[in-house]
Every structure is written in C-alpha cells, then in structure tokens.
Amino acid sequence: MIEIRWHGRGGQGAKTAALLLADAAFETGLYVQGFPEYGPERMGAPITAYNRLNEAPIRVHSNIYEPDMVVVVDETLLKSVDVTAGLKPGGKLLVNSRRQPAEVLADFPDFGGEIYVIDAADISIRTIGRNLPNTPLLSAAVKLTGILKEADFFTNMEKAFAEKFASKPEVISGNLNALKDAWTAAIRINE
C-alpha cells in the first residue's frame, strides 16, 4: 500500500488533487481512499488531504500517520507545520517551490528521505493560465511513487477532467498540458 499526505491551504487544490488521484487509480483497478482533513477553516487556512492506494482491499479507515510520500502544495507551511512528521524512513518529500534547491534543502537538515522540488506554480501559470499548483503536483507525485503507469494516468485524468470540467471544457487541455509538463519536472535535491 502507498500512503500520501498532502499539505496545502484551503483553495489551493490539495483536496481536489487527492480526490482526482483516487479516481484515476480506481479506474486502473486499485483500491483507493482519498479524503481531506479540515475543520471550520476558511480559504487560505492549512488543510491536509490523504491518499491510500493498494492492490488489495484497504481495511484502515483513519488519517495517515506514517506516509510514504508527503506533497507540500504551499511552501509557506514549512514554517508552521512539521510536514515530515511520521514520514517513513526513506520516504519522499515533494515541495512546490520557486526557490533554489539549496534553499529548500536547508529547511530539512536532518531529513533522511528523498527530497524533490518542482515549480508547480510556473507550470500551471504557463499551461492553465493561473497559479493552480495541484495539477502539476499530482502528476509529479504519481511519477515519483510509480503507483500508476504513465499512459493509464493520462487517460484516466483526461476522463476525470472531462467530467469535472463538463461546464468549462476550455480548461481541459491546459490541465492536461500541466500534467504532461510536470511528469518529469520534479528534481531530486539531496542524495
């Protein structure tokens, strides 16, 4: 089983990314969970979302305390949230950042897992026309976990976007381009 924890702020799409990943993985025959955790917070408040993906039925129904991967949608959370808490030894951390890799690496001096950085904001602005980092981060997370084959992922995401954006079909191609551009854009910044 692969478990992913998403850290973002309300309105940035962490919840949507987790739900889209669950839908895409379900279409390939995997057992999935995708759910958010938040209280009465408003837009801009920290939120957490989760994914569990497995080839066998998932019997656990709780938050994820020891994820295999953590995705940080908003790097300002690095100052207030311990995003690596519980991350499994050797786990993967994916951070959306425009900063230089050395600057991001300095935020995690004792982290022993793999750290990846992607400028999801740039990708989304270029392809979608707005800063919506969740779509590029979703693609990078799938690539880094290897949970879905590339062709299956893109086919299932095109279907999911067609349903989600049925009333706004003009945004589908931009979102698909964001996924494709981000597939190989995350770079590992530690060894």
N, C-alpha and C. Protein backbone atom coordinates (compact mmCIF):
# COMPACT_ATOMS: atom_id res chain seq x y z
N MET A 1 0.85 -1.18 0.00
CA MET A 1 0.00 0.00 0.00
C MET A 1 0.89 1.24 0.00
N ILE A 2 0.48 2.23 -0.77
CA ILE A 2 1.16 3.52 -0.78
C ILE A 2 0.25 4.54 -0.12
N GLU A 3 0.82 5.30 0.83
CA GLU A 3 0.07 6.33 1.53
C GLU A 3 0.72 7.68 1.27
N ILE A 4 -0.10 8.66 0.94
CA ILE A 4 0.37 10.01 0.62
C ILE A 4 -0.38 11.01 1.48
N ARG A 5 0.37 11.96 2.01
CA ARG A 5 -0.24 13.07 2.76
C ARG A 5 0.04 14.37 2.01
N TRP A 6 -0.99 15.17 1.82
CA TRP A 6 -0.91 16.45 1.12
C TRP A 6 -1.05 17.58 2.13
N HIS A 7 -0.16 18.58 2.05
CA HIS A 7 -0.27 19.78 2.89
C HIS A 7 -0.47 20.98 1.99
N GLY A 8 -1.54 21.72 2.23
CA GLY A 8 -1.79 22.92 1.44
C GLY A 8 -2.63 23.89 2.24
N ARG A 9 -3.14 24.86 1.54
CA ARG A 9 -4.06 25.82 2.15
C ARG A 9 -5.39 25.70 1.42
N GLY A 10 -6.46 26.01 2.14
CA GLY A 10 -7.78 25.96 1.53
C GLY A 10 -7.84 26.77 0.25
N GLY A 11 -8.32 26.16 -0.82
CA GLY A 11 -8.43 26.84 -2.10
C GLY A 11 -7.29 26.56 -3.06
N GLN A 12 -6.24 25.85 -2.60
CA GLN A 12 -5.11 25.55 -3.48
C GLN A 12 -5.22 24.22 -4.20
N GLY A 13 -6.21 23.42 -3.83
CA GLY A 13 -6.45 22.19 -4.56
C GLY A 13 -5.85 20.92 -3.99
N ALA A 14 -5.35 20.92 -2.75
CA ALA A 14 -4.81 19.70 -2.17
C ALA A 14 -5.89 18.62 -2.08
N LYS A 15 -7.06 19.01 -1.61
CA LYS A 15 -8.18 18.07 -1.52
C LYS A 15 -8.56 17.56 -2.91
N THR A 16 -8.65 18.46 -3.87
CA THR A 16 -9.02 18.07 -5.23
C THR A 16 -7.99 17.11 -5.82
N ALA A 17 -6.70 17.38 -5.60
CA ALA A 17 -5.66 16.50 -6.12
C ALA A 17 -5.78 15.11 -5.52
N ALA A 18 -6.02 15.03 -4.22
CA ALA A 18 -6.17 13.72 -3.57
C ALA A 18 -7.37 12.96 -4.12
N LEU A 19 -8.46 13.66 -4.35
CA LEU A 19 -9.65 13.01 -4.90
C LEU A 19 -9.46 12.59 -6.35
N LEU A 20 -8.79 13.44 -7.14
CA LEU A 20 -8.51 13.09 -8.54
C LEU A 20 -7.57 11.88 -8.62
N LEU A 21 -6.57 11.82 -7.75
CA LEU A 21 -5.68 10.67 -7.73
C LEU A 21 -6.46 9.41 -7.38
N ALA A 22 -7.33 9.50 -6.41
CA ALA A 22 -8.15 8.33 -6.04
C ALA A 22 -8.99 7.87 -7.23
N ASP A 23 -9.61 8.81 -7.94
CA ASP A 23 -10.42 8.45 -9.11
C ASP A 23 -9.59 7.79 -10.19
N ALA A 24 -8.42 8.37 -10.51
CA ALA A 24 -7.57 7.83 -11.56
C ALA A 24 -7.06 6.43 -11.20
N ALA A 25 -6.68 6.23 -9.94
CA ALA A 25 -6.18 4.93 -9.50
C ALA A 25 -7.30 3.90 -9.48
N PHE A 26 -8.49 4.30 -9.08
CA PHE A 26 -9.65 3.40 -9.05
C PHE A 26 -9.94 2.86 -10.45
N GLU A 27 -9.80 3.72 -11.45
CA GLU A 27 -10.06 3.31 -12.84
C GLU A 27 -9.11 2.22 -13.31
N THR A 28 -7.94 2.09 -12.67
CA THR A 28 -6.99 1.05 -13.06
C THR A 28 -7.20 -0.24 -12.27
N GLY A 29 -8.19 -0.24 -11.38
CA GLY A 29 -8.48 -1.44 -10.60
C GLY A 29 -7.90 -1.44 -9.20
N LEU A 30 -7.24 -0.37 -8.81
CA LEU A 30 -6.69 -0.30 -7.46
C LEU A 30 -7.78 0.01 -6.44
N TYR A 31 -7.55 -0.38 -5.22
CA TYR A 31 -8.39 0.02 -4.11
C TYR A 31 -7.86 1.37 -3.64
N VAL A 32 -8.74 2.30 -3.34
CA VAL A 32 -8.29 3.66 -3.06
C VAL A 32 -9.05 4.30 -1.91
N GLN A 33 -8.39 5.28 -1.33
CA GLN A 33 -9.03 6.23 -0.42
C GLN A 33 -8.46 7.59 -0.75
N GLY A 34 -9.29 8.59 -0.75
CA GLY A 34 -8.87 9.97 -0.93
C GLY A 34 -9.78 10.84 -0.09
N PHE A 35 -9.22 11.55 0.89
CA PHE A 35 -10.07 12.31 1.79
C PHE A 35 -9.30 13.48 2.40
N PRO A 36 -10.01 14.55 2.72
CA PRO A 36 -9.38 15.71 3.37
C PRO A 36 -9.57 15.67 4.88
N GLU A 37 -8.80 16.51 5.55
CA GLU A 37 -8.99 16.74 6.98
C GLU A 37 -8.94 18.25 7.20
N TYR A 38 -10.04 18.78 7.64
CA TYR A 38 -10.05 20.20 7.99
C TYR A 38 -11.27 20.45 8.86
N GLY A 39 -11.21 21.52 9.58
CA GLY A 39 -12.32 21.89 10.45
C GLY A 39 -13.08 23.04 9.83
N PRO A 40 -13.43 24.03 10.62
CA PRO A 40 -14.23 25.14 10.11
C PRO A 40 -13.37 26.22 9.44
N GLU A 41 -12.14 25.86 9.03
CA GLU A 41 -11.24 26.85 8.45
C GLU A 41 -11.80 27.44 7.17
N ARG A 42 -11.28 28.59 6.84
CA ARG A 42 -11.68 29.27 5.61
C ARG A 42 -10.59 29.13 4.57
N MET A 43 -10.88 29.69 3.40
CA MET A 43 -9.89 29.69 2.33
C MET A 43 -8.59 30.30 2.85
N GLY A 44 -7.49 29.64 2.55
CA GLY A 44 -6.18 30.11 2.99
C GLY A 44 -5.68 29.44 4.26
N ALA A 45 -6.56 28.78 5.00
CA ALA A 45 -6.14 28.09 6.22
C ALA A 45 -5.49 26.74 5.86
N PRO A 46 -4.55 26.28 6.67
CA PRO A 46 -3.90 24.99 6.38
C PRO A 46 -4.91 23.84 6.36
N ILE A 47 -4.74 22.97 5.38
CA ILE A 47 -5.55 21.74 5.31
C ILE A 47 -4.62 20.57 5.00
N THR A 48 -5.10 19.40 5.28
CA THR A 48 -4.37 18.17 4.98
C THR A 48 -5.31 17.26 4.22
N ALA A 49 -4.78 16.58 3.22
CA ALA A 49 -5.56 15.59 2.48
C ALA A 49 -4.72 14.32 2.40
N TYR A 50 -5.38 13.20 2.14
CA TYR A 50 -4.71 11.91 2.20
C TYR A 50 -5.13 11.01 1.04
N ASN A 51 -4.20 10.10 0.69
CA ASN A 51 -4.50 9.03 -0.26
C ASN A 51 -3.93 7.73 0.27
N ARG A 52 -4.71 6.68 0.08
CA ARG A 52 -4.22 5.31 0.25
C ARG A 52 -4.52 4.61 -1.07
N LEU A 53 -3.54 3.88 -1.58
CA LEU A 53 -3.69 3.18 -2.85
C LEU A 53 -3.10 1.79 -2.68
N ASN A 54 -3.86 0.78 -3.06
CA ASN A 54 -3.40 -0.59 -2.82
C ASN A 54 -4.02 -1.53 -3.84
N GLU A 55 -3.34 -2.65 -4.08
CA GLU A 55 -3.87 -3.68 -4.97
C GLU A 55 -4.86 -4.58 -4.24
N ALA A 56 -4.85 -4.54 -2.92
CA ALA A 56 -5.77 -5.34 -2.10
C ALA A 56 -6.73 -4.40 -1.37
N PRO A 57 -7.86 -4.93 -0.89
CA PRO A 57 -8.79 -4.08 -0.15
C PRO A 57 -8.09 -3.37 1.01
N ILE A 58 -8.50 -2.14 1.25
CA ILE A 58 -7.92 -1.32 2.31
C ILE A 58 -8.85 -1.39 3.52
N ARG A 59 -8.33 -1.89 4.62
CA ARG A 59 -9.15 -2.08 5.82
C ARG A 59 -8.95 -0.96 6.83
N VAL A 60 -7.99 -0.09 6.62
CA VAL A 60 -7.69 1.01 7.53
C VAL A 60 -8.56 2.21 7.17
N HIS A 61 -9.17 2.83 8.17
CA HIS A 61 -10.01 4.00 7.93
C HIS A 61 -9.67 5.08 8.96
N SER A 62 -8.47 5.61 8.82
CA SER A 62 -8.02 6.67 9.73
C SER A 62 -7.16 7.63 8.94
N ASN A 63 -6.74 8.70 9.59
CA ASN A 63 -5.77 9.58 8.96
C ASN A 63 -4.49 8.79 8.72
N ILE A 64 -3.59 9.36 7.94
CA ILE A 64 -2.32 8.70 7.64
C ILE A 64 -1.25 9.33 8.51
N TYR A 65 -0.65 8.50 9.36
CA TYR A 65 0.34 9.00 10.31
C TYR A 65 1.77 8.68 9.89
N GLU A 66 1.95 7.70 9.02
CA GLU A 66 3.28 7.32 8.55
C GLU A 66 3.25 7.17 7.02
N PRO A 67 3.16 8.30 6.31
CA PRO A 67 3.04 8.22 4.85
C PRO A 67 4.35 7.81 4.17
N ASP A 68 4.19 7.31 2.95
CA ASP A 68 5.34 7.01 2.10
C ASP A 68 5.82 8.27 1.39
N MET A 69 4.89 9.20 1.18
CA MET A 69 5.20 10.45 0.48
C MET A 69 4.39 11.57 1.10
N VAL A 70 5.02 12.75 1.14
CA VAL A 70 4.33 13.97 1.54
C VAL A 70 4.48 14.97 0.40
N VAL A 71 3.36 15.59 0.03
CA VAL A 71 3.35 16.62 -1.01
C VAL A 71 3.01 17.95 -0.34
N VAL A 72 3.88 18.94 -0.53
CA VAL A 72 3.68 20.26 0.05
C VAL A 72 3.25 21.20 -1.08
N VAL A 73 1.98 21.58 -1.06
CA VAL A 73 1.42 22.45 -2.09
C VAL A 73 1.86 23.89 -1.87
N ASP A 74 1.94 24.31 -0.62
CA ASP A 74 2.30 25.69 -0.28
C ASP A 74 3.49 25.68 0.67
N GLU A 75 4.65 26.11 0.17
CA GLU A 75 5.86 26.03 0.98
C GLU A 75 5.86 26.98 2.17
N THR A 76 4.94 27.93 2.25
CA THR A 76 4.88 28.78 3.45
C THR A 76 4.51 27.94 4.67
N LEU A 77 3.93 26.78 4.45
CA LEU A 77 3.58 25.89 5.56
C LEU A 77 4.82 25.29 6.21
N LEU A 78 5.95 25.32 5.53
CA LEU A 78 7.18 24.76 6.09
C LEU A 78 7.58 25.47 7.37
N LYS A 79 7.14 26.71 7.54
CA LYS A 79 7.47 27.48 8.74
C LYS A 79 6.56 27.15 9.92
N SER A 80 5.38 26.58 9.64
CA SER A 80 4.41 26.38 10.71
C SER A 80 3.96 24.93 10.91
N VAL A 81 4.24 24.06 9.95
CA VAL A 81 3.78 22.67 10.02
C VAL A 81 4.99 21.76 9.83
N ASP A 82 5.12 20.74 10.68
CA ASP A 82 6.18 19.76 10.50
C ASP A 82 5.73 18.77 9.44
N VAL A 83 5.99 19.10 8.19
CA VAL A 83 5.48 18.29 7.08
C VAL A 83 6.13 16.92 7.01
N THR A 84 7.29 16.74 7.63
CA THR A 84 7.94 15.43 7.59
C THR A 84 7.54 14.54 8.77
N ALA A 85 6.68 15.03 9.65
CA ALA A 85 6.27 14.23 10.82
C ALA A 85 5.72 12.88 10.37
N GLY A 86 6.31 11.82 10.89
CA GLY A 86 5.83 10.48 10.61
C GLY A 86 6.21 9.92 9.25
N LEU A 87 6.84 10.72 8.41
CA LEU A 87 7.22 10.24 7.08
C LEU A 87 8.15 9.04 7.24
N LYS A 88 7.83 7.95 6.56
CA LYS A 88 8.60 6.72 6.71
C LYS A 88 10.07 6.94 6.37
N PRO A 89 10.96 6.22 7.03
CA PRO A 89 12.38 6.32 6.67
C PRO A 89 12.54 6.02 5.18
N GLY A 90 13.27 6.86 4.50
CA GLY A 90 13.44 6.70 3.06
C GLY A 90 12.26 7.22 2.26
N GLY A 91 11.30 7.85 2.95
CA GLY A 91 10.12 8.39 2.27
C GLY A 91 10.47 9.54 1.35
N LYS A 92 9.48 9.95 0.57
CA LYS A 92 9.68 11.01 -0.42
C LYS A 92 8.91 12.26 -0.02
N LEU A 93 9.58 13.39 -0.17
CA LEU A 93 9.00 14.69 0.10
C LEU A 93 9.03 15.49 -1.19
N LEU A 94 7.87 15.96 -1.63
CA LEU A 94 7.74 16.74 -2.86
C LEU A 94 7.26 18.13 -2.48
N VAL A 95 8.09 19.15 -2.77
CA VAL A 95 7.80 20.52 -2.36
C VAL A 95 7.61 21.40 -3.59
N ASN A 96 6.50 22.13 -3.61
CA ASN A 96 6.26 23.13 -4.63
C ASN A 96 7.04 24.38 -4.23
N SER A 97 8.04 24.75 -5.02
CA SER A 97 8.85 25.91 -4.64
C SER A 97 9.50 26.54 -5.87
N ARG A 98 9.64 27.86 -5.78
CA ARG A 98 10.38 28.60 -6.80
C ARG A 98 11.80 28.91 -6.33
N ARG A 99 12.11 28.54 -5.08
CA ARG A 99 13.43 28.81 -4.53
C ARG A 99 14.48 27.87 -5.13
N GLN A 100 15.73 28.24 -4.96
CA GLN A 100 16.83 27.40 -5.40
C GLN A 100 16.85 26.12 -4.56
N PRO A 101 17.25 24.98 -5.14
CA PRO A 101 17.27 23.72 -4.39
C PRO A 101 18.01 23.80 -3.06
N ALA A 102 19.15 24.49 -3.02
CA ALA A 102 19.91 24.59 -1.77
C ALA A 102 19.12 25.29 -0.68
N GLU A 103 18.31 26.26 -1.05
CA GLU A 103 17.48 26.97 -0.06
C GLU A 103 16.43 26.04 0.52
N VAL A 104 15.80 25.25 -0.34
CA VAL A 104 14.78 24.30 0.13
C VAL A 104 15.44 23.23 0.99
N LEU A 105 16.57 22.74 0.55
CA LEU A 105 17.28 21.70 1.29
C LEU A 105 17.64 22.17 2.70
N ALA A 106 17.95 23.45 2.85
CA ALA A 106 18.30 24.00 4.16
C ALA A 106 17.13 23.90 5.15
N ASP A 107 15.91 23.78 4.67
CA ASP A 107 14.75 23.64 5.55
C ASP A 107 14.66 22.24 6.17
N PHE A 108 15.46 21.29 5.66
CA PHE A 108 15.36 19.90 6.11
C PHE A 108 16.75 19.32 6.40
N PRO A 109 17.47 19.91 7.36
CA PRO A 109 18.86 19.48 7.59
C PRO A 109 18.99 18.04 8.08
N ASP A 110 17.98 17.51 8.75
CA ASP A 110 18.09 16.17 9.33
C ASP A 110 17.20 15.15 8.66
N PHE A 111 16.59 15.51 7.55
CA PHE A 111 15.67 14.59 6.88
C PHE A 111 16.46 13.56 6.09
N GLY A 112 16.14 12.28 6.29
CA GLY A 112 16.90 11.21 5.66
C GLY A 112 16.28 10.63 4.41
N GLY A 113 15.11 11.11 4.03
CA GLY A 113 14.47 10.58 2.83
C GLY A 113 14.86 11.35 1.58
N GLU A 114 14.11 11.12 0.53
CA GLU A 114 14.35 11.79 -0.75
C GLU A 114 13.55 13.09 -0.80
N ILE A 115 14.21 14.18 -1.20
CA ILE A 115 13.54 15.48 -1.31
C ILE A 115 13.53 15.90 -2.78
N TYR A 116 12.32 16.22 -3.26
CA TYR A 116 12.13 16.66 -4.64
C TYR A 116 11.50 18.05 -4.63
N VAL A 117 11.87 18.85 -5.63
CA VAL A 117 11.30 20.18 -5.78
C VAL A 117 10.76 20.31 -7.19
N ILE A 118 9.62 21.00 -7.29
CA ILE A 118 9.03 21.30 -8.58
C ILE A 118 8.43 22.71 -8.50
N ASP A 119 8.59 23.46 -9.55
CA ASP A 119 7.96 24.78 -9.62
C ASP A 119 6.59 24.60 -10.26
N ALA A 120 5.66 24.10 -9.46
CA ALA A 120 4.31 23.82 -9.94
C ALA A 120 3.57 25.10 -10.30
N ALA A 121 3.91 26.19 -9.63
CA ALA A 121 3.28 27.48 -9.95
C ALA A 121 3.61 27.89 -11.38
N ASP A 122 4.88 27.81 -11.74
CA ASP A 122 5.29 28.18 -13.10
C ASP A 122 4.61 27.30 -14.15
N ILE A 123 4.58 26.00 -13.90
CA ILE A 123 3.95 25.08 -14.86
C ILE A 123 2.48 25.42 -15.02
N SER A 124 1.78 25.63 -13.91
CA SER A 124 0.34 25.90 -14.01
C SER A 124 0.05 27.25 -14.65
N ILE A 125 0.86 28.26 -14.37
CA ILE A 125 0.65 29.57 -14.99
C ILE A 125 0.86 29.47 -16.50
N ARG A 126 1.89 28.73 -16.89
CA ARG A 126 2.21 28.58 -18.31
C ARG A 126 1.14 27.78 -19.07
N THR A 127 0.61 26.74 -18.44
CA THR A 127 -0.31 25.83 -19.14
C THR A 127 -1.79 26.12 -18.90
N ILE A 128 -2.12 26.51 -17.68
CA ILE A 128 -3.52 26.74 -17.31
C ILE A 128 -3.87 28.22 -17.34
N GLY A 129 -2.85 29.06 -17.12
CA GLY A 129 -3.08 30.49 -17.11
C GLY A 129 -3.32 31.06 -15.72
N ARG A 130 -3.25 30.20 -14.71
CA ARG A 130 -3.44 30.61 -13.31
C ARG A 130 -2.53 29.78 -12.43
N ASN A 131 -2.26 30.29 -11.23
CA ASN A 131 -1.45 29.55 -10.27
C ASN A 131 -2.32 28.52 -9.57
N LEU A 132 -2.38 27.33 -10.16
CA LEU A 132 -3.11 26.19 -9.60
C LEU A 132 -2.13 25.02 -9.49
N PRO A 133 -1.32 25.00 -8.44
CA PRO A 133 -0.22 24.04 -8.36
C PRO A 133 -0.63 22.59 -8.16
N ASN A 134 -1.88 22.34 -7.81
CA ASN A 134 -2.27 20.96 -7.51
C ASN A 134 -2.15 20.03 -8.71
N THR A 135 -2.46 20.51 -9.90
CA THR A 135 -2.41 19.64 -11.08
C THR A 135 -0.98 19.18 -11.38
N PRO A 136 0.00 20.10 -11.46
CA PRO A 136 1.37 19.63 -11.67
C PRO A 136 1.89 18.75 -10.53
N LEU A 137 1.54 19.08 -9.29
CA LEU A 137 1.99 18.27 -8.16
C LEU A 137 1.41 16.87 -8.21
N LEU A 138 0.17 16.75 -8.63
CA LEU A 138 -0.46 15.44 -8.77
C LEU A 138 0.34 14.58 -9.74
N SER A 139 0.68 15.14 -10.88
CA SER A 139 1.44 14.40 -11.88
C SER A 139 2.81 13.98 -11.34
N ALA A 140 3.51 14.89 -10.71
CA ALA A 140 4.83 14.58 -10.16
C ALA A 140 4.73 13.50 -9.08
N ALA A 141 3.71 13.56 -8.24
CA ALA A 141 3.53 12.57 -7.18
C ALA A 141 3.30 11.18 -7.76
N VAL A 142 2.48 11.11 -8.79
CA VAL A 142 2.22 9.81 -9.43
C VAL A 142 3.50 9.26 -10.03
N LYS A 143 4.25 10.10 -10.71
CA LYS A 143 5.51 9.67 -11.32
C LYS A 143 6.48 9.17 -10.25
N LEU A 144 6.63 9.92 -9.16
CA LEU A 144 7.61 9.56 -8.13
C LEU A 144 7.23 8.31 -7.35
N THR A 145 5.94 8.07 -7.16
CA THR A 145 5.53 6.86 -6.45
C THR A 145 5.50 5.65 -7.36
N GLY A 146 5.30 5.88 -8.66
CA GLY A 146 5.19 4.76 -9.59
C GLY A 146 3.91 3.97 -9.44
N ILE A 147 2.93 4.55 -8.77
CA ILE A 147 1.68 3.82 -8.49
C ILE A 147 0.84 3.57 -9.74
N LEU A 148 0.96 4.44 -10.73
CA LEU A 148 0.21 4.28 -11.98
C LEU A 148 1.15 4.38 -13.17
N LYS A 149 0.84 3.62 -14.20
CA LYS A 149 1.60 3.74 -15.45
C LYS A 149 1.24 5.06 -16.10
N GLU A 150 2.20 5.64 -16.80
CA GLU A 150 2.02 6.96 -17.42
C GLU A 150 0.79 6.99 -18.33
N ALA A 151 0.66 6.03 -19.21
CA ALA A 151 -0.46 6.04 -20.16
C ALA A 151 -1.80 5.92 -19.44
N ASP A 152 -1.86 5.05 -18.44
CA ASP A 152 -3.10 4.89 -17.66
C ASP A 152 -3.45 6.18 -16.94
N PHE A 153 -2.44 6.80 -16.35
CA PHE A 153 -2.67 8.03 -15.60
C PHE A 153 -3.25 9.12 -16.50
N PHE A 154 -2.62 9.36 -17.64
CA PHE A 154 -3.09 10.43 -18.51
C PHE A 154 -4.47 10.13 -19.10
N THR A 155 -4.71 8.88 -19.45
CA THR A 155 -6.03 8.51 -19.97
C THR A 155 -7.11 8.74 -18.92
N ASN A 156 -6.84 8.28 -17.71
CA ASN A 156 -7.83 8.41 -16.64
C ASN A 156 -8.01 9.86 -16.19
N MET A 157 -6.95 10.64 -16.23
CA MET A 157 -7.08 12.05 -15.86
C MET A 157 -7.86 12.82 -16.93
N GLU A 158 -7.67 12.48 -18.19
CA GLU A 158 -8.44 13.14 -19.24
C GLU A 158 -9.94 12.87 -19.03
N LYS A 159 -10.26 11.65 -18.68
CA LYS A 159 -11.65 11.29 -18.38
C LYS A 159 -12.16 12.05 -17.16
N ALA A 160 -11.35 12.11 -16.10
CA ALA A 160 -11.75 12.81 -14.87
C ALA A 160 -11.95 14.30 -15.14
N PHE A 161 -11.04 14.91 -15.92
CA PHE A 161 -11.18 16.33 -16.25
C PHE A 161 -12.42 16.59 -17.08
N ALA A 162 -12.72 15.68 -18.00
CA ALA A 162 -13.92 15.85 -18.83
C ALA A 162 -15.18 15.87 -17.97
N GLU A 163 -15.20 15.05 -16.93
CA GLU A 163 -16.35 15.04 -16.02
C GLU A 163 -16.35 16.26 -15.11
N LYS A 164 -15.19 16.56 -14.51
CA LYS A 164 -15.08 17.67 -13.56
C LYS A 164 -15.35 19.01 -14.23
N PHE A 165 -14.86 19.17 -15.45
CA PHE A 165 -14.97 20.45 -16.14
C PHE A 165 -15.97 20.39 -17.30
N ALA A 166 -17.02 19.59 -17.14
CA ALA A 166 -18.01 19.46 -18.21
C ALA A 166 -18.61 20.81 -18.61
N SER A 167 -18.76 21.71 -17.65
CA SER A 167 -19.33 23.02 -17.95
C SER A 167 -18.27 24.03 -18.40
N LYS A 168 -16.98 23.64 -18.31
CA LYS A 168 -15.88 24.52 -18.73
C LYS A 168 -14.86 23.72 -19.55
N PRO A 169 -15.26 23.17 -20.68
CA PRO A 169 -14.34 22.30 -21.43
C PRO A 169 -13.08 23.00 -21.91
N GLU A 170 -13.09 24.32 -21.94
CA GLU A 170 -11.91 25.06 -22.40
C GLU A 170 -10.72 24.91 -21.46
N VAL A 171 -10.93 24.47 -20.23
CA VAL A 171 -9.82 24.34 -19.28
C VAL A 171 -9.19 22.94 -19.30
N ILE A 172 -9.79 22.02 -20.00
CA ILE A 172 -9.29 20.64 -20.00
C ILE A 172 -7.90 20.55 -20.61
N SER A 173 -7.69 21.14 -21.77
CA SER A 173 -6.39 21.00 -22.44
C SER A 173 -5.27 21.61 -21.60
N GLY A 174 -5.51 22.75 -20.96
CA GLY A 174 -4.49 23.37 -20.11
C GLY A 174 -4.11 22.46 -18.95
N ASN A 175 -5.10 21.83 -18.33
CA ASN A 175 -4.83 20.93 -17.22
C ASN A 175 -4.07 19.69 -17.68
N LEU A 176 -4.43 19.16 -18.84
CA LEU A 176 -3.70 18.01 -19.38
C LEU A 176 -2.26 18.39 -19.70
N ASN A 177 -2.06 19.58 -20.25
CA ASN A 177 -0.69 20.04 -20.54
C ASN A 177 0.09 20.22 -19.25
N ALA A 178 -0.55 20.69 -18.20
CA ALA A 178 0.13 20.83 -16.91
C ALA A 178 0.58 19.47 -16.39
N LEU A 179 -0.27 18.46 -16.53
CA LEU A 179 0.10 17.11 -16.10
C LEU A 179 1.31 16.62 -16.89
N LYS A 180 1.28 16.81 -18.20
CA LYS A 180 2.36 16.31 -19.05
C LYS A 180 3.67 17.04 -18.77
N ASP A 181 3.61 18.36 -18.62
CA ASP A 181 4.83 19.13 -18.35
C ASP A 181 5.44 18.76 -17.00
N ALA A 182 4.60 18.42 -16.05
CA ALA A 182 5.09 18.13 -14.70
C ALA A 182 5.58 16.70 -14.53
N TRP A 183 5.25 15.81 -15.46
CA TRP A 183 5.56 14.39 -15.30
C TRP A 183 7.04 14.17 -14.98
N THR A 184 7.92 14.93 -15.61
CA THR A 184 9.35 14.75 -15.37
C THR A 184 10.01 16.00 -14.80
N ALA A 185 9.23 16.93 -14.32
CA ALA A 185 9.79 18.22 -13.88
C ALA A 185 10.34 18.21 -12.45
N ALA A 186 9.92 17.30 -11.62
CA ALA A 186 10.42 17.28 -10.24
C ALA A 186 11.87 16.83 -10.22
N ILE A 187 12.70 17.56 -9.50
CA ILE A 187 14.12 17.19 -9.41
C ILE A 187 14.48 16.85 -7.98
N ARG A 188 15.28 15.81 -7.84
CA ARG A 188 15.75 15.44 -6.51
C ARG A 188 16.86 16.38 -6.11
N ILE A 189 16.80 16.88 -4.88
CA ILE A 189 17.78 17.87 -4.45
C ILE A 189 18.72 17.37 -3.36
N ASN A 190 18.58 16.11 -2.96
CA ASN A 190 19.51 15.55 -1.98
C ASN A 190 19.93 14.15 -2.45
N GLU A 191 20.98 13.66 -1.89
CA GLU A 191 21.48 12.32 -2.29
C GLU A 191 21.42 11.36 -1.14
